[in-house]
């Protein structure tokens, strides 16, 4: 993502009139000629926690290092990557040496691979060469102190600063093609060296040289609490993973995304007259199919849900449309006037034996966007 405004132009498809400063860190506001306002609420914060300014994805360089100010962290890149926030510091060591820098990307290189580093809203995405003739790419995480615990699967690796809040998460995005569309999963394997040091290795089943992508982000509270559940790995949970393969695939069986909008993060809308609420979700793969939003019979647990204990699904709320790289889901009737504390729902791919690849609410590079028209 180059900027949040590029993404909003894809959704809105014409010129927008920006108004005011948002009262929360997730949102930008616009107003049309009739006085109707539109809030575009991103699934993770887009404004810096200290300045309230919208995150600028531009890298700043000096002769010795490069820096990036994210939503709630500072990223410094020299011979290693340093991520710093109010809770601590993590040094990230990638393979190779610093090779090239631009305003948008930093390259590391060794004999076998490149590593591209790009900013996300609160961290970075790494695009790494995977060559089956050599050992899988490795990344070393070094922390300035030990943390409470680790939660992990082959989709994500989270070092936890609290029971329900990570300090930092590495999340698998997948194997990508030349146009940077995700074409298949990649897996993250972890090895503990000691209480403050871990090695992550990236694996994929490709028999040829490919590019693989992972995100590494410092945690920020999300607009949506969500997780995937899947039939092939019925006991696994993807609470902090940043991608979903919705529908039926050989990789995961049938996969469903459970989600819950946390109204408290955009509480100012609770006193407004709501005209429209549309959820926009980027399509990260090459396949476009139909999605539905369905009600859940009960509240789900984003850390404890899996295929074995999944909450049953009931009435269909919305069917998707698709344009400009985004799925559009009209949730106006379901979300109502935003008076309740949260709303639980499930997103599914309804086409037989097909799947689509979309971000979850933990994705800081291609976030989901809730559009709310109000007055």
Foldseek 3Di string as FASTA:
>chain_A
DQFVVVVVCLVVVDDFAWDDQDPFQFWTKTADPVGWMKIKGWFFGQAAPPPSHGFHQWWDDDPAWIWGRANAWIWIDHQWIWIDGPVFIKTKHWPAGFDDDDRAWTWGDDPQKIWIWGDFRFFTKIKMKAAPVDFFTKMKIFTPDFADDWDDDQAKIFRPNDPPFGQKMKGWDAWADPVQFHDGTKTWDWDDPDRGMIMIGIGDPDNGMTITMITMGGDGDTQKFKWKAFDVCQQDIGRQHWKDWFQADPVTGHMKMKIKGQLVSVVVQLPWAWDWKKKKWFFRHDDDAKKWKWAFPDDDDRVGDYNVPDTDTDDTQFMWDDGSRITITTCDVVCDSSNDRMGIIMMHGDDHNHTTMTTDSNDRHGTMIMMIITD
